[in-house]
């Protein structure tokens, strides 16, 4: 958890070509507007206004990067992608941002994992399904993937367990976690997953390899 608390604003970009090339693991947060993405990021980092939540959902249309690392050394980056699917946003803007997000998710070389925010009371939308189709090849190739079921405090225990089971079938190999900022549900679980993504444990070398060295 302390590692996530080091998050600092790095840069913002209206288009992909404005993003700086990075060689540290990048973890992207995606999800439809009102799914609780900004709240989740701010809760994990213990910073109330790190991720900007617009009063008009869907109006925040920049890619925002936040650096992570102790002693001032960046060892990973969180990416907050614009929320999608809000009805009040002009159709042309929706199409443009769908293209930007798709290009980012497919081409960003240092992308290590994707966190999809989903309100379990509504389930996956058509746009969520499209996103899953876009990232499926990269997930099959090893990209990490986590579905965070937000607003879990609105569910009973049995409803939460059912939502997790359903999402595990739909996530296509991704992990699933319940999350609630007000009730402090799942915060440490999600933080642990992100830490492991950014700091994978390297396999031990075989004895013969060590001897030969």
C-alpha atoms as a PDB file:
ATOM      1  CA  UNK A   1       0.000   0.000   0.000  1.00  0.00           C
ATOM      2  CA  UNK A   2       2.829   2.407   0.839  1.00  0.00           C
ATOM      3  CA  UNK A   3       4.162   2.051  -2.695  1.00  0.00           C
ATOM      4  CA  UNK A   4       0.882   3.273  -4.190  1.00  0.00           C
ATOM      5  CA  UNK A   5       0.863   6.214  -1.807  1.00  0.00           C
ATOM      6  CA  UNK A   6       3.949   7.568  -3.617  1.00  0.00           C
ATOM      7  CA  UNK A   7       1.864   8.350  -6.724  1.00  0.00           C
ATOM      8  CA  UNK A   8       2.571  11.731  -8.293  1.00  0.00           C
ATOM      9  CA  UNK A   9       1.195  13.439 -11.380  1.00  0.00           C
ATOM     10  CA  UNK A  10       3.580  12.856 -14.283  1.00  0.00           C
ATOM     11  CA  UNK A  11       1.942  14.251 -17.415  1.00  0.00           C
ATOM     12  CA  UNK A  12      -1.274  14.531 -19.387  1.00  0.00           C
ATOM     13  CA  UNK A  13      -1.792  13.961 -23.104  1.00  0.00           C
ATOM     14  CA  UNK A  14      -4.708  14.616 -25.472  1.00  0.00           C
ATOM     15  CA  UNK A  15      -3.320  12.127 -28.023  1.00  0.00           C
ATOM     16  CA  UNK A  16      -1.011   9.107 -28.002  1.00  0.00           C
ATOM     17  CA  UNK A  17       1.911  10.827 -29.710  1.00  0.00           C
ATOM     18  CA  UNK A  18       2.152  13.255 -26.774  1.00  0.00           C
ATOM     19  CA  UNK A  19       2.867  10.403 -24.330  1.00  0.00           C
ATOM     20  CA  UNK A  20       6.523  10.083 -23.295  1.00  0.00           C
ATOM     21  CA  UNK A  21       8.285   6.806 -24.143  1.00  0.00           C
ATOM     22  CA  UNK A  22       8.817   4.913 -20.894  1.00  0.00           C
ATOM     23  CA  UNK A  23      10.720   1.763 -19.983  1.00  0.00           C
ATOM     24  CA  UNK A  24       8.980   1.060 -16.659  1.00  0.00           C
ATOM     25  CA  UNK A  25       5.824  -1.070 -16.269  1.00  0.00           C
ATOM     26  CA  UNK A  26       2.616   0.818 -17.036  1.00  0.00           C
ATOM     27  CA  UNK A  27      -0.761  -0.132 -15.578  1.00  0.00           C
ATOM     28  CA  UNK A  28      -3.856   1.345 -17.240  1.00  0.00           C
ATOM     29  CA  UNK A  29      -7.217   1.986 -15.578  1.00  0.00           C
ATOM     30  CA  UNK A  30     -10.191   1.874 -17.936  1.00  0.00           C
ATOM     31  CA  UNK A  31     -13.969   1.847 -17.587  1.00  0.00           C
ATOM     32  CA  UNK A  32     -17.167   3.565 -18.489  1.00  0.00           C
ATOM     33  CA  UNK A  33     -18.062   6.912 -16.962  1.00  0.00           C
ATOM     34  CA  UNK A  34     -19.538   6.627 -13.462  1.00  0.00           C
ATOM     35  CA  UNK A  35     -17.965   3.193 -12.888  1.00  0.00           C
ATOM     36  CA  UNK A  36     -15.888   4.585 -10.015  1.00  0.00           C
ATOM     37  CA  UNK A  37     -12.482   4.732 -11.724  1.00  0.00           C
ATOM     38  CA  UNK A  38     -11.304   8.033 -10.241  1.00  0.00           C
ATOM     39  CA  UNK A  39     -12.519   7.032  -6.786  1.00  0.00           C
ATOM     40  CA  UNK A  40     -10.633   3.753  -7.009  1.00  0.00           C
ATOM     41  CA  UNK A  41      -7.362   5.410  -8.049  1.00  0.00           C
ATOM     42  CA  UNK A  42      -7.659   8.085  -5.372  1.00  0.00           C
ATOM     43  CA  UNK A  43      -8.478   5.490  -2.707  1.00  0.00           C
ATOM     44  CA  UNK A  44      -5.560   3.225  -3.644  1.00  0.00           C
ATOM     45  CA  UNK A  45      -3.123   6.148  -3.633  1.00  0.00           C
ATOM     46  CA  UNK A  46      -4.688   7.840  -0.585  1.00  0.00           C
ATOM     47  CA  UNK A  47      -4.894  11.110  -2.502  1.00  0.00           C
ATOM     48  CA  UNK A  48      -8.284  12.763  -2.767  1.00  0.00           C
ATOM     49  CA  UNK A  49      -7.751  14.563  -6.067  1.00  0.00           C
ATOM     50  CA  UNK A  50      -4.983  12.708  -7.897  1.00  0.00           C
ATOM     51  CA  UNK A  51      -7.401  11.324 -10.498  1.00  0.00           C
ATOM     52  CA  UNK A  52      -9.786  14.015 -11.680  1.00  0.00           C
ATOM     53  CA  UNK A  53     -13.485  13.191 -11.506  1.00  0.00           C
ATOM     54  CA  UNK A  54     -15.386  15.640 -13.678  1.00  0.00           C
ATOM     55  CA  UNK A  55     -18.765  16.912 -12.516  1.00  0.00           C
ATOM     56  CA  UNK A  56     -19.924  16.011 -16.029  1.00  0.00           C
ATOM     57  CA  UNK A  57     -18.950  12.358 -16.602  1.00  0.00           C
ATOM     58  CA  UNK A  58     -17.216  11.730 -19.880  1.00  0.00           C
ATOM     59  CA  UNK A  59     -15.874  15.267 -20.196  1.00  0.00           C
ATOM     60  CA  UNK A  60     -12.379  14.396 -19.011  1.00  0.00           C
ATOM     61  CA  UNK A  61     -10.733  13.467 -22.294  1.00  0.00           C
ATOM     62  CA  UNK A  62      -7.009  13.317 -21.615  1.00  0.00           C
ATOM     63  CA  UNK A  63      -4.703  10.428 -20.837  1.00  0.00           C
ATOM     64  CA  UNK A  64      -3.188  11.098 -17.414  1.00  0.00           C
ATOM     65  CA  UNK A  65      -0.007   9.429 -16.167  1.00  0.00           C
ATOM     66  CA  UNK A  66       1.024   9.107 -12.511  1.00  0.00           C
ATOM     67  CA  UNK A  67       4.499   7.966 -11.467  1.00  0.00           C
ATOM     68  CA  UNK A  68       5.079   5.469  -8.658  1.00  0.00           C
ATOM     69  CA  UNK A  69       8.280   4.794  -6.764  1.00  0.00           C
ATOM     70  CA  UNK A  70       9.989   5.297  -3.430  1.00  0.00           C
ATOM     71  CA  UNK A  71      12.972   7.599  -2.852  1.00  0.00           C
ATOM     72  CA  UNK A  72      11.928   9.553  -5.918  1.00  0.00           C
ATOM     73  CA  UNK A  73      12.799   6.742  -8.334  1.00  0.00           C
ATOM     74  CA  UNK A  74       9.977   5.898 -10.740  1.00  0.00           C
ATOM     75  CA  UNK A  75       9.558   2.117 -11.040  1.00  0.00           C
ATOM     76  CA  UNK A  76       6.028   2.046 -12.500  1.00  0.00           C
ATOM     77  CA  UNK A  77       3.325   4.304 -13.926  1.00  0.00           C
ATOM     78  CA  UNK A  78      -0.448   4.354 -13.506  1.00  0.00           C
ATOM     79  CA  UNK A  79      -2.427   5.496 -16.543  1.00  0.00           C
ATOM     80  CA  UNK A  80      -5.898   6.951 -16.128  1.00  0.00           C
ATOM     81  CA  UNK A  81      -7.717   6.613 -19.442  1.00  0.00           C
ATOM     82  CA  UNK A  82     -10.864   8.710 -20.123  1.00  0.00           C
ATOM     83  CA  UNK A  83     -14.176   7.187 -19.117  1.00  0.00           C
ATOM     84  CA  UNK A  84     -16.344   6.068 -21.992  1.00  0.00           C
ATOM     85  CA  UNK A  85     -19.998   5.521 -22.808  1.00  0.00           C
ATOM     86  CA  UNK A  86     -21.574   8.624 -21.304  1.00  0.00           C
ATOM     87  CA  UNK A  87     -24.635   9.622 -23.326  1.00  0.00           C
ATOM     88  CA  UNK A  88     -24.118  13.406 -23.159  1.00  0.00           C
ATOM     89  CA  UNK A  89     -20.770  13.268 -24.966  1.00  0.00           C
ATOM     90  CA  UNK A  90     -21.052  14.058 -28.703  1.00  0.00           C
ATOM     91  CA  UNK A  91     -20.874  10.987 -30.919  1.00  0.00           C
ATOM     92  CA  UNK A  92     -17.796  12.269 -32.765  1.00  0.00           C
ATOM     93  CA  UNK A  93     -15.922  12.588 -29.452  1.00  0.00           C
ATOM     94  CA  UNK A  94     -16.951   9.065 -28.454  1.00  0.00           C
ATOM     95  CA  UNK A  95     -15.629   7.608 -31.697  1.00  0.00           C
ATOM     96  CA  UNK A  96     -12.387   9.575 -31.460  1.00  0.00           C
ATOM     97  CA  UNK A  97     -11.708   8.440 -27.908  1.00  0.00           C
ATOM     98  CA  UNK A  98     -12.582   4.846 -28.663  1.00  0.00           C
ATOM     99  CA  UNK A  99      -9.919   4.950 -31.370  1.00  0.00           C
ATOM    100  CA  UNK A 100      -7.368   6.611 -29.091  1.00  0.00           C
ATOM    101  CA  UNK A 101      -7.968   4.070 -26.321  1.00  0.00           C
ATOM    102  CA  UNK A 102      -7.878   1.122 -28.710  1.00  0.00           C
ATOM    103  CA  UNK A 103      -4.579   2.311 -30.171  1.00  0.00           C
ATOM    104  CA  UNK A 104      -3.130   2.825 -26.707  1.00  0.00           C
ATOM    105  CA  UNK A 105      -4.194  -0.605 -25.458  1.00  0.00           C
ATOM    106  CA  UNK A 106      -2.870  -2.341 -28.575  1.00  0.00           C
ATOM    107  CA  UNK A 107       0.364  -0.427 -29.195  1.00  0.00           C
ATOM    108  CA  UNK A 108       1.715   0.877 -25.873  1.00  0.00           C
ATOM    109  CA  UNK A 109       4.874  -1.209 -25.579  1.00  0.00           C
ATOM    110  CA  UNK A 110       5.508  -0.938 -21.836  1.00  0.00           C
ATOM    111  CA  UNK A 111       1.871  -1.644 -20.896  1.00  0.00           C
ATOM    112  CA  UNK A 112       2.058  -4.366 -18.253  1.00  0.00           C
ATOM    113  CA  UNK A 113      -1.537  -4.661 -17.094  1.00  0.00           C
ATOM    114  CA  UNK A 114      -5.074  -3.337 -17.480  1.00  0.00           C
ATOM    115  CA  UNK A 115      -7.600  -2.684 -14.720  1.00  0.00           C
ATOM    116  CA  UNK A 116     -11.197  -2.580 -15.941  1.00  0.00           C
ATOM    117  CA  UNK A 117     -13.642  -0.870 -13.609  1.00  0.00           C
ATOM    118  CA  UNK A 118     -17.179  -2.261 -13.636  1.00  0.00           C
ATOM    119  CA  UNK A 119     -20.278  -1.558 -11.575  1.00  0.00           C
ATOM    120  CA  UNK A 120     -21.521  -5.119 -10.854  1.00  0.00           C
ATOM    121  CA  UNK A 121     -25.117  -3.920 -10.585  1.00  0.00           C
ATOM    122  CA  UNK A 122     -25.081  -3.172 -14.305  1.00  0.00           C
ATOM    123  CA  UNK A 123     -22.582  -5.745 -15.577  1.00  0.00           C
ATOM    124  CA  UNK A 124     -20.539  -5.403 -18.751  1.00  0.00           C
ATOM    125  CA  UNK A 125     -21.806  -2.974 -21.361  1.00  0.00           C
ATOM    126  CA  UNK A 126     -21.380  -3.298 -25.109  1.00  0.00           C
ATOM    127  CA  UNK A 127     -18.386  -0.945 -24.932  1.00  0.00           C
ATOM    128  CA  UNK A 128     -16.835  -3.078 -22.171  1.00  0.00           C
ATOM    129  CA  UNK A 129     -17.236  -6.114 -24.413  1.00  0.00           C
ATOM    130  CA  UNK A 130     -15.561  -4.271 -27.290  1.00  0.00           C
ATOM    131  CA  UNK A 131     -12.661  -3.378 -25.004  1.00  0.00           C
ATOM    132  CA  UNK A 132     -12.299  -7.022 -23.952  1.00  0.00           C
ATOM    133  CA  UNK A 133     -12.142  -8.047 -27.608  1.00  0.00           C
ATOM    134  CA  UNK A 134      -9.451  -5.426 -28.268  1.00  0.00           C
ATOM    135  CA  UNK A 135      -7.171  -6.535 -25.442  1.00  0.00           C
ATOM    136  CA  UNK A 136      -7.789 -10.301 -25.717  1.00  0.00           C
ATOM    137  CA  UNK A 137      -4.782 -10.974 -28.016  1.00  0.00           C
ATOM    138  CA  UNK A 138      -2.438  -9.147 -25.651  1.00  0.00           C
ATOM    139  CA  UNK A 139      -3.913 -10.889 -22.590  1.00  0.00           C
ATOM    140  CA  UNK A 140      -3.394 -14.241 -24.292  1.00  0.00           C
ATOM    141  CA  UNK A 141       0.194 -13.150 -24.949  1.00  0.00           C
ATOM    142  CA  UNK A 142       0.780 -12.404 -21.266  1.00  0.00           C
ATOM    143  CA  UNK A 143      -0.668  -8.961 -20.541  1.00  0.00           C
ATOM    144  CA  UNK A 144      -2.079  -8.851 -17.005  1.00  0.00           C
ATOM    145  CA  UNK A 145      -5.783  -8.126 -16.622  1.00  0.00           C
ATOM    146  CA  UNK A 146      -7.935  -7.353 -13.590  1.00  0.00           C
ATOM    147  CA  UNK A 147     -11.651  -6.541 -13.322  1.00  0.00           C
ATOM    148  CA  UNK A 148     -12.475  -4.422 -10.282  1.00  0.00           C
ATOM    149  CA  UNK A 149     -16.134  -4.658  -9.311  1.00  0.00           C
ATOM    150  CA  UNK A 150     -16.715  -1.249  -7.754  1.00  0.00           C
ATOM    151  CA  UNK A 151     -19.411  -0.128  -5.323  1.00  0.00           C
ATOM    152  CA  UNK A 152     -19.385  -3.554  -3.675  1.00  0.00           C
ATOM    153  CA  UNK A 153     -20.970  -2.021  -0.584  1.00  0.00           C
ATOM    154  CA  UNK A 154     -24.224  -1.882  -2.569  1.00  0.00           C
ATOM    155  CA  UNK A 155     -24.288  -5.704  -2.759  1.00  0.00           C
ATOM    156  CA  UNK A 156     -25.092  -8.358  -0.191  1.00  0.00           C
ATOM    157  CA  UNK A 157     -22.448 -10.991   0.448  1.00  0.00           C
ATOM    158  CA  UNK A 158     -24.244 -13.528  -1.756  1.00  0.00           C
ATOM    159  CA  UNK A 159     -24.745 -10.953  -4.520  1.00  0.00           C
ATOM    160  CA  UNK A 160     -21.049 -10.104  -4.378  1.00  0.00           C
ATOM    161  CA  UNK A 161     -20.012 -13.745  -4.640  1.00  0.00           C
ATOM    162  CA  UNK A 162     -22.366 -14.250  -7.589  1.00  0.00           C
ATOM    163  CA  UNK A 163     -21.039 -11.130  -9.339  1.00  0.00           C
ATOM    164  CA  UNK A 164     -17.450 -12.383  -8.974  1.00  0.00           C
ATOM    165  CA  UNK A 165     -18.356 -15.818 -10.350  1.00  0.00           C
ATOM    166  CA  UNK A 166     -20.129 -14.336 -13.372  1.00  0.00           C
ATOM    167  CA  UNK A 167     -17.305 -11.901 -14.097  1.00  0.00           C
ATOM    168  CA  UNK A 168     -14.673 -14.624 -13.854  1.00  0.00           C
ATOM    169  CA  UNK A 169     -16.427 -16.384 -16.724  1.00  0.00           C
ATOM    170  CA  UNK A 170     -16.666 -13.175 -18.747  1.00  0.00           C
ATOM    171  CA  UNK A 171     -13.167 -11.855 -18.043  1.00  0.00           C
ATOM    172  CA  UNK A 172     -11.450 -14.448 -20.187  1.00  0.00           C
ATOM    173  CA  UNK A 173      -8.490 -15.258 -17.980  1.00  0.00           C
ATOM    174  CA  UNK A 174      -8.409 -12.041 -15.982  1.00  0.00           C
ATOM    175  CA  UNK A 175      -8.564 -11.741 -12.208  1.00  0.00           C
ATOM    176  CA  UNK A 176     -11.620 -10.305 -10.428  1.00  0.00           C
ATOM    177  CA  UNK A 177     -11.835  -8.349  -7.165  1.00  0.00           C
ATOM    178  CA  UNK A 178     -14.679  -6.689  -5.268  1.00  0.00           C
ATOM    179  CA  UNK A 179     -13.968  -3.078  -4.278  1.00  0.00           C
ATOM    180  CA  UNK A 180     -15.622  -0.401  -2.165  1.00  0.00           C
ATOM    181  CA  UNK A 181     -13.992   2.854  -1.097  1.00  0.00           C
ATOM    182  CA  UNK A 182     -16.538   3.726   1.672  1.00  0.00           C
ATOM    183  CA  UNK A 183     -16.441   0.242   3.220  1.00  0.00           C
ATOM    184  CA  UNK A 184     -12.705  -0.292   2.541  1.00  0.00           C
ATOM    185  CA  UNK A 185     -13.411  -3.534   0.698  1.00  0.00           C
ATOM    186  CA  UNK A 186     -10.718  -4.990  -1.549  1.00  0.00           C
ATOM    187  CA  UNK A 187      -8.258  -2.117  -1.281  1.00  0.00           C
ATOM    188  CA  UNK A 188      -5.336  -4.220  -0.051  1.00  0.00           C
ATOM    189  CA  UNK A 189      -6.192  -7.039  -2.485  1.00  0.00           C
ATOM    190  CA  UNK A 190      -6.082  -4.731  -5.504  1.00  0.00           C
ATOM    191  CA  UNK A 191      -2.952  -2.989  -4.232  1.00  0.00           C
ATOM    192  CA  UNK A 192      -1.196  -6.350  -3.865  1.00  0.00           C
ATOM    193  CA  UNK A 193      -2.113  -7.353  -7.425  1.00  0.00           C
ATOM    194  CA  UNK A 194      -0.731  -4.092  -8.839  1.00  0.00           C
ATOM    195  CA  UNK A 195       2.479  -4.432  -6.828  1.00  0.00           C
ATOM    196  CA  UNK A 196       3.016  -7.940  -8.142  1.00  0.00           C
ATOM    197  CA  UNK A 197       2.419  -6.801 -11.718  1.00  0.00           C
ATOM    198  CA  UNK A 198       5.042  -4.062 -11.421  1.00  0.00           C
ATOM    199  CA  UNK A 199       7.496  -6.177  -9.422  1.00  0.00           C
ATOM    200  CA  UNK A 200       7.302  -9.730 -10.787  1.00  0.00           C
ATOM    201  CA  UNK A 201       9.336 -12.306  -8.930  1.00  0.00           C
ATOM    202  CA  UNK A 202      12.026 -13.632 -11.224  1.00  0.00           C
ATOM    203  CA  UNK A 203      12.357 -17.437 -11.354  1.00  0.00           C
ATOM    204  CA  UNK A 204      15.362 -18.857  -9.548  1.00  0.00           C
ATOM    205  CA  UNK A 205      18.255 -19.906 -11.752  1.00  0.00           C
ATOM    206  CA  UNK A 206      18.967 -23.598 -12.128  1.00  0.00           C
ATOM    207  CA  UNK A 207      21.899 -24.881 -10.019  1.00  0.00           C
ATOM    208  CA  UNK A 208      23.927 -25.766 -13.132  1.00  0.00           C
ATOM    209  CA  UNK A 209      23.479 -22.215 -14.429  1.00  0.00           C
ATOM    210  CA  UNK A 210      24.839 -20.803 -11.196  1.00  0.00           C
ATOM    211  CA  UNK A 211      27.825 -23.177 -11.274  1.00  0.00           C
ATOM    212  CA  UNK A 212      28.645 -22.326 -14.889  1.00  0.00           C
ATOM    213  CA  UNK A 213      28.635 -18.639 -14.060  1.00  0.00           C
END
